[in-house]
Amino acid sequence: MFDFEKLEVYAHLRMTAKKVLIFLKETDQVDPYLSEQLRKSSVHMLLSLAEGTGRMANPEKRQFYTVSRSAAFEAVTMLQLIRDLGTMDEEMYQELYADFETASKMLLGMIRSFNTEK
């Protein structure tokens, strides 16, 4: 088993990315640009976390976890635009928003654990 697979945040991000990918696959109503950006940011969160876990130096780990968290912010922005355009119902929006918010908080905890001022 790889180290990243042991992390609760990895399981959460993987589940969230899966929900996003299923939603996008099942609808053709989402603007193609917004769809692609949401897809990329959701998957990028997961990939950055996994890559960061593989780094040996703490500053590098912290940087990848920060990139992962930033991708959550991008994903939420795409969710908001998609909902604003009426191509995502409120229930799905709230579910995914909550998933990204939880992931962001989990990642922030990891980032803070590498505080360089300690």
N, C-alpha and C. Protein backbone atom coordinates (compact mmCIF):
# COMPACT_ATOMS: atom_id res chain seq x y z
N MET A 1 0.85 -1.18 0.00
CA MET A 1 0.00 0.00 0.00
C MET A 1 0.90 1.24 0.00
N PHE A 2 0.54 2.23 -0.80
CA PHE A 2 1.27 3.48 -0.84
C PHE A 2 0.85 4.35 0.35
N ASP A 3 1.76 5.21 0.80
CA ASP A 3 1.49 6.06 1.96
C ASP A 3 0.23 6.91 1.78
N PHE A 4 0.03 7.47 0.59
CA PHE A 4 -1.12 8.35 0.40
C PHE A 4 -2.44 7.60 0.55
N GLU A 5 -2.43 6.30 0.26
CA GLU A 5 -3.65 5.51 0.36
C GLU A 5 -4.10 5.33 1.81
N LYS A 6 -3.22 5.57 2.75
CA LYS A 6 -3.52 5.43 4.18
C LYS A 6 -4.19 6.68 4.74
N LEU A 7 -4.20 7.77 3.98
CA LEU A 7 -4.72 9.04 4.47
C LEU A 7 -6.23 9.15 4.30
N GLU A 8 -6.89 9.60 5.35
CA GLU A 8 -8.33 9.84 5.29
C GLU A 8 -8.66 10.90 4.23
N VAL A 9 -7.81 11.90 4.13
CA VAL A 9 -8.05 12.97 3.15
C VAL A 9 -7.96 12.43 1.73
N TYR A 10 -7.10 11.46 1.49
CA TYR A 10 -7.00 10.86 0.16
C TYR A 10 -8.33 10.17 -0.20
N ALA A 11 -8.85 9.38 0.73
CA ALA A 11 -10.12 8.69 0.50
C ALA A 11 -11.23 9.70 0.22
N HIS A 12 -11.22 10.79 0.98
CA HIS A 12 -12.25 11.83 0.81
C HIS A 12 -12.11 12.51 -0.56
N LEU A 13 -10.89 12.87 -0.93
CA LEU A 13 -10.68 13.53 -2.23
C LEU A 13 -11.02 12.59 -3.39
N ARG A 14 -10.69 11.34 -3.23
CA ARG A 14 -10.99 10.36 -4.28
C ARG A 14 -12.49 10.23 -4.47
N MET A 15 -13.22 10.14 -3.37
CA MET A 15 -14.67 10.05 -3.43
C MET A 15 -15.27 11.31 -4.06
N THR A 16 -14.74 12.47 -3.69
CA THR A 16 -15.24 13.73 -4.23
C THR A 16 -14.98 13.82 -5.74
N ALA A 17 -13.77 13.48 -6.15
CA ALA A 17 -13.45 13.50 -7.58
C ALA A 17 -14.35 12.54 -8.35
N LYS A 18 -14.61 11.39 -7.78
CA LYS A 18 -15.50 10.42 -8.43
C LYS A 18 -16.90 11.00 -8.61
N LYS A 19 -17.43 11.67 -7.57
CA LYS A 19 -18.75 12.29 -7.68
C LYS A 19 -18.78 13.33 -8.80
N VAL A 20 -17.73 14.14 -8.86
CA VAL A 20 -17.65 15.17 -9.91
C VAL A 20 -17.62 14.52 -11.28
N LEU A 21 -16.78 13.51 -11.45
CA LEU A 21 -16.66 12.86 -12.76
C LEU A 21 -17.95 12.19 -13.18
N ILE A 22 -18.66 11.58 -12.25
CA ILE A 22 -19.95 10.96 -12.56
C ILE A 22 -20.96 12.04 -12.96
N PHE A 23 -21.02 13.12 -12.19
CA PHE A 23 -21.93 14.22 -12.52
C PHE A 23 -21.66 14.73 -13.93
N LEU A 24 -20.41 14.99 -14.25
CA LEU A 24 -20.07 15.55 -15.56
C LEU A 24 -20.34 14.56 -16.69
N LYS A 25 -20.16 13.29 -16.41
CA LYS A 25 -20.43 12.26 -17.42
C LYS A 25 -21.93 12.15 -17.71
N GLU A 26 -22.74 12.35 -16.67
CA GLU A 26 -24.18 12.16 -16.80
C GLU A 26 -24.93 13.38 -17.34
N THR A 27 -24.24 14.50 -17.47
CA THR A 27 -24.91 15.70 -17.99
C THR A 27 -24.13 16.26 -19.16
N ASP A 28 -24.87 16.72 -20.13
CA ASP A 28 -24.23 17.40 -21.26
C ASP A 28 -24.63 18.88 -21.28
N GLN A 29 -25.23 19.32 -20.18
CA GLN A 29 -25.72 20.69 -20.09
C GLN A 29 -24.66 21.69 -19.64
N VAL A 30 -23.58 21.20 -19.02
CA VAL A 30 -22.55 22.09 -18.47
C VAL A 30 -21.69 22.63 -19.60
N ASP A 31 -21.43 23.92 -19.54
CA ASP A 31 -20.52 24.55 -20.50
C ASP A 31 -19.24 23.72 -20.60
N PRO A 32 -18.78 23.39 -21.80
CA PRO A 32 -17.60 22.53 -21.96
C PRO A 32 -16.34 23.06 -21.24
N TYR A 33 -16.13 24.36 -21.29
CA TYR A 33 -14.96 24.94 -20.62
C TYR A 33 -15.06 24.75 -19.11
N LEU A 34 -16.22 25.06 -18.54
CA LEU A 34 -16.41 24.91 -17.10
C LEU A 34 -16.32 23.44 -16.69
N SER A 35 -16.88 22.58 -17.51
CA SER A 35 -16.82 21.14 -17.24
C SER A 35 -15.37 20.67 -17.18
N GLU A 36 -14.59 21.06 -18.16
CA GLU A 36 -13.18 20.63 -18.20
C GLU A 36 -12.39 21.20 -17.02
N GLN A 37 -12.65 22.44 -16.68
CA GLN A 37 -11.93 23.06 -15.54
C GLN A 37 -12.30 22.37 -14.23
N LEU A 38 -13.58 22.05 -14.05
CA LEU A 38 -14.00 21.35 -12.84
C LEU A 38 -13.37 19.96 -12.78
N ARG A 39 -13.36 19.29 -13.91
CA ARG A 39 -12.74 17.96 -13.98
C ARG A 39 -11.26 18.05 -13.61
N LYS A 40 -10.57 18.99 -14.21
CA LYS A 40 -9.14 19.13 -13.96
C LYS A 40 -8.84 19.48 -12.50
N SER A 41 -9.56 20.42 -11.95
CA SER A 41 -9.27 20.84 -10.58
C SER A 41 -9.58 19.72 -9.59
N SER A 42 -10.65 18.98 -9.83
CA SER A 42 -11.01 17.88 -8.93
C SER A 42 -9.95 16.78 -8.94
N VAL A 43 -9.49 16.44 -10.11
CA VAL A 43 -8.47 15.40 -10.23
C VAL A 43 -7.12 15.93 -9.76
N HIS A 44 -6.82 17.18 -10.04
CA HIS A 44 -5.55 17.78 -9.64
C HIS A 44 -5.39 17.78 -8.11
N MET A 45 -6.48 17.99 -7.40
CA MET A 45 -6.43 17.92 -5.93
C MET A 45 -5.88 16.57 -5.49
N LEU A 46 -6.41 15.53 -6.06
CA LEU A 46 -6.04 14.17 -5.70
C LEU A 46 -4.59 13.87 -6.08
N LEU A 47 -4.21 14.27 -7.29
CA LEU A 47 -2.86 14.00 -7.76
C LEU A 47 -1.81 14.77 -6.96
N SER A 48 -2.09 16.01 -6.63
CA SER A 48 -1.13 16.81 -5.86
C SER A 48 -0.93 16.24 -4.46
N LEU A 49 -2.01 15.78 -3.86
CA LEU A 49 -1.90 15.15 -2.54
C LEU A 49 -1.02 13.91 -2.62
N ALA A 50 -1.28 13.05 -3.60
CA ALA A 50 -0.50 11.83 -3.75
C ALA A 50 0.97 12.15 -4.02
N GLU A 51 1.22 13.10 -4.90
CA GLU A 51 2.60 13.45 -5.21
C GLU A 51 3.31 14.04 -4.00
N GLY A 52 2.63 14.90 -3.26
CA GLY A 52 3.22 15.49 -2.07
C GLY A 52 3.58 14.45 -1.02
N THR A 53 2.73 13.45 -0.90
CA THR A 53 3.00 12.40 0.08
C THR A 53 4.28 11.64 -0.26
N GLY A 54 4.60 11.59 -1.54
CA GLY A 54 5.81 10.89 -1.97
C GLY A 54 7.09 11.70 -1.82
N ARG A 55 6.97 12.97 -1.52
CA ARG A 55 8.16 13.81 -1.37
C ARG A 55 8.81 13.55 -0.02
N MET A 56 10.12 13.70 0.02
CA MET A 56 10.86 13.40 1.24
C MET A 56 11.02 14.62 2.15
N ALA A 57 11.16 15.79 1.56
CA ALA A 57 11.40 17.01 2.35
C ALA A 57 10.07 17.67 2.73
N ASN A 58 9.96 18.07 3.97
CA ASN A 58 8.73 18.68 4.45
C ASN A 58 8.31 19.93 3.68
N PRO A 59 9.23 20.83 3.31
CA PRO A 59 8.79 22.00 2.52
C PRO A 59 8.16 21.59 1.18
N GLU A 60 8.68 20.53 0.57
CA GLU A 60 8.09 20.06 -0.68
C GLU A 60 6.71 19.47 -0.44
N LYS A 61 6.57 18.68 0.61
CA LYS A 61 5.26 18.12 0.95
C LYS A 61 4.24 19.24 1.14
N ARG A 62 4.65 20.22 1.93
CA ARG A 62 3.77 21.36 2.22
C ARG A 62 3.33 22.07 0.94
N GLN A 63 4.26 22.25 0.02
CA GLN A 63 3.95 22.92 -1.25
C GLN A 63 2.90 22.13 -2.04
N PHE A 64 3.05 20.83 -2.13
CA PHE A 64 2.07 20.03 -2.87
C PHE A 64 0.71 20.01 -2.19
N TYR A 65 0.68 19.98 -0.87
CA TYR A 65 -0.59 20.03 -0.16
C TYR A 65 -1.26 21.39 -0.36
N THR A 66 -0.45 22.43 -0.45
CA THR A 66 -0.99 23.77 -0.73
C THR A 66 -1.58 23.83 -2.13
N VAL A 67 -0.91 23.24 -3.09
CA VAL A 67 -1.44 23.19 -4.46
C VAL A 67 -2.74 22.41 -4.49
N SER A 68 -2.80 21.32 -3.76
CA SER A 68 -4.01 20.52 -3.69
C SER A 68 -5.17 21.35 -3.13
N ARG A 69 -4.90 22.08 -2.07
CA ARG A 69 -5.94 22.93 -1.46
C ARG A 69 -6.37 24.05 -2.41
N SER A 70 -5.42 24.61 -3.12
CA SER A 70 -5.76 25.66 -4.10
C SER A 70 -6.68 25.12 -5.19
N ALA A 71 -6.49 23.88 -5.57
CA ALA A 71 -7.35 23.26 -6.58
C ALA A 71 -8.78 23.13 -6.05
N ALA A 72 -8.92 22.95 -4.75
CA ALA A 72 -10.27 22.91 -4.15
C ALA A 72 -10.96 24.26 -4.34
N PHE A 73 -10.22 25.34 -4.17
CA PHE A 73 -10.78 26.67 -4.35
C PHE A 73 -11.22 26.86 -5.81
N GLU A 74 -10.41 26.38 -6.74
CA GLU A 74 -10.77 26.45 -8.15
C GLU A 74 -12.05 25.66 -8.42
N ALA A 75 -12.12 24.46 -7.86
CA ALA A 75 -13.29 23.60 -8.09
C ALA A 75 -14.56 24.25 -7.57
N VAL A 76 -14.48 24.86 -6.39
CA VAL A 76 -15.67 25.51 -5.83
C VAL A 76 -16.10 26.68 -6.70
N THR A 77 -15.17 27.42 -7.24
CA THR A 77 -15.50 28.52 -8.14
C THR A 77 -16.23 27.99 -9.38
N MET A 78 -15.76 26.88 -9.93
CA MET A 78 -16.44 26.27 -11.08
C MET A 78 -17.84 25.80 -10.70
N LEU A 79 -17.97 25.18 -9.51
CA LEU A 79 -19.29 24.75 -9.04
C LEU A 79 -20.26 25.92 -8.99
N GLN A 80 -19.78 27.03 -8.45
CA GLN A 80 -20.64 28.21 -8.32
C GLN A 80 -21.10 28.71 -9.68
N LEU A 81 -20.20 28.77 -10.63
CA LEU A 81 -20.58 29.23 -11.97
C LEU A 81 -21.56 28.27 -12.64
N ILE A 82 -21.30 26.97 -12.49
CA ILE A 82 -22.18 25.96 -13.08
C ILE A 82 -23.58 26.06 -12.48
N ARG A 83 -23.64 26.22 -11.16
CA ARG A 83 -24.95 26.38 -10.51
C ARG A 83 -25.62 27.68 -10.96
N ASP A 84 -24.85 28.77 -11.02
CA ASP A 84 -25.40 30.06 -11.44
C ASP A 84 -26.01 29.99 -12.84
N LEU A 85 -25.45 29.15 -13.68
CA LEU A 85 -25.97 28.99 -15.04
C LEU A 85 -27.15 28.03 -15.11
N GLY A 86 -27.50 27.45 -13.98
CA GLY A 86 -28.67 26.57 -13.93
C GLY A 86 -28.43 25.16 -14.44
N THR A 87 -27.18 24.74 -14.50
CA THR A 87 -26.89 23.40 -15.02
C THR A 87 -26.48 22.42 -13.92
N MET A 88 -26.70 22.82 -12.67
CA MET A 88 -26.49 21.93 -11.52
C MET A 88 -27.56 22.26 -10.50
N ASP A 89 -28.24 21.22 -10.02
CA ASP A 89 -29.29 21.49 -9.04
C ASP A 89 -28.67 21.81 -7.68
N GLU A 90 -29.46 22.42 -6.85
CA GLU A 90 -28.97 22.91 -5.55
C GLU A 90 -28.48 21.78 -4.65
N GLU A 91 -29.16 20.66 -4.70
CA GLU A 91 -28.76 19.52 -3.85
C GLU A 91 -27.36 19.03 -4.21
N MET A 92 -27.09 18.86 -5.49
CA MET A 92 -25.76 18.41 -5.93
C MET A 92 -24.71 19.48 -5.59
N TYR A 93 -25.07 20.72 -5.81
CA TYR A 93 -24.15 21.81 -5.49
C TYR A 93 -23.77 21.77 -4.00
N GLN A 94 -24.76 21.67 -3.14
CA GLN A 94 -24.50 21.68 -1.69
C GLN A 94 -23.66 20.47 -1.28
N GLU A 95 -23.93 19.33 -1.87
CA GLU A 95 -23.17 18.12 -1.54
C GLU A 95 -21.69 18.27 -1.94
N LEU A 96 -21.46 18.70 -3.17
CA LEU A 96 -20.08 18.85 -3.63
C LEU A 96 -19.38 20.00 -2.91
N TYR A 97 -20.10 21.08 -2.66
CA TYR A 97 -19.51 22.20 -1.93
C TYR A 97 -19.03 21.73 -0.56
N ALA A 98 -19.87 20.99 0.14
CA ALA A 98 -19.50 20.47 1.46
C ALA A 98 -18.29 19.53 1.37
N ASP A 99 -18.26 18.71 0.34
CA ASP A 99 -17.12 17.80 0.16
C ASP A 99 -15.82 18.58 -0.05
N PHE A 100 -15.86 19.61 -0.89
CA PHE A 100 -14.66 20.41 -1.12
C PHE A 100 -14.27 21.21 0.12
N GLU A 101 -15.25 21.70 0.86
CA GLU A 101 -14.96 22.44 2.08
C GLU A 101 -14.28 21.53 3.11
N THR A 102 -14.77 20.33 3.26
CA THR A 102 -14.15 19.37 4.18
C THR A 102 -12.73 19.05 3.74
N ALA A 103 -12.54 18.81 2.46
CA ALA A 103 -11.20 18.51 1.93
C ALA A 103 -10.26 19.68 2.19
N SER A 104 -10.73 20.89 1.98
CA SER A 104 -9.90 22.07 2.20
C SER A 104 -9.44 22.16 3.65
N LYS A 105 -10.35 21.89 4.57
CA LYS A 105 -10.00 21.95 5.99
C LYS A 105 -9.01 20.85 6.36
N MET A 106 -9.19 19.68 5.80
CA MET A 106 -8.27 18.57 6.07
C MET A 106 -6.86 18.91 5.55
N LEU A 107 -6.82 19.45 4.35
CA LEU A 107 -5.54 19.82 3.75
C LEU A 107 -4.88 20.96 4.53
N LEU A 108 -5.67 21.91 5.00
CA LEU A 108 -5.12 23.01 5.79
C LEU A 108 -4.44 22.47 7.05
N GLY A 109 -5.06 21.49 7.68
CA GLY A 109 -4.44 20.88 8.85
C GLY A 109 -3.09 20.25 8.51
N MET A 110 -3.02 19.60 7.36
CA MET A 110 -1.76 19.00 6.93
C MET A 110 -0.71 20.08 6.64
N ILE A 111 -1.14 21.13 5.99
CA ILE A 111 -0.23 22.23 5.66
C ILE A 111 0.32 22.86 6.93
N ARG A 112 -0.56 23.09 7.88
CA ARG A 112 -0.13 23.72 9.14
C ARG A 112 0.81 22.82 9.93
N SER A 113 0.72 21.52 9.73
CA SER A 113 1.61 20.61 10.45
C SER A 113 3.06 20.77 10.00
N PHE A 114 3.26 21.39 8.85
CA PHE A 114 4.60 21.65 8.34
C PHE A 114 5.00 23.10 8.49
N ASN A 115 4.41 23.80 9.43
CA ASN A 115 4.70 25.21 9.65
C ASN A 115 6.21 25.39 9.81
N THR A 116 6.78 26.21 8.97
CA THR A 116 8.23 26.41 8.95
C THR A 116 8.71 27.31 10.10
N GLU A 117 7.79 27.93 10.82
CA GLU A 117 8.20 28.83 11.90
C GLU A 117 8.38 28.10 13.22
N LYS A 118 8.17 26.80 13.26
CA LYS A 118 8.30 26.04 14.50
C LYS A 118 9.74 25.93 14.93
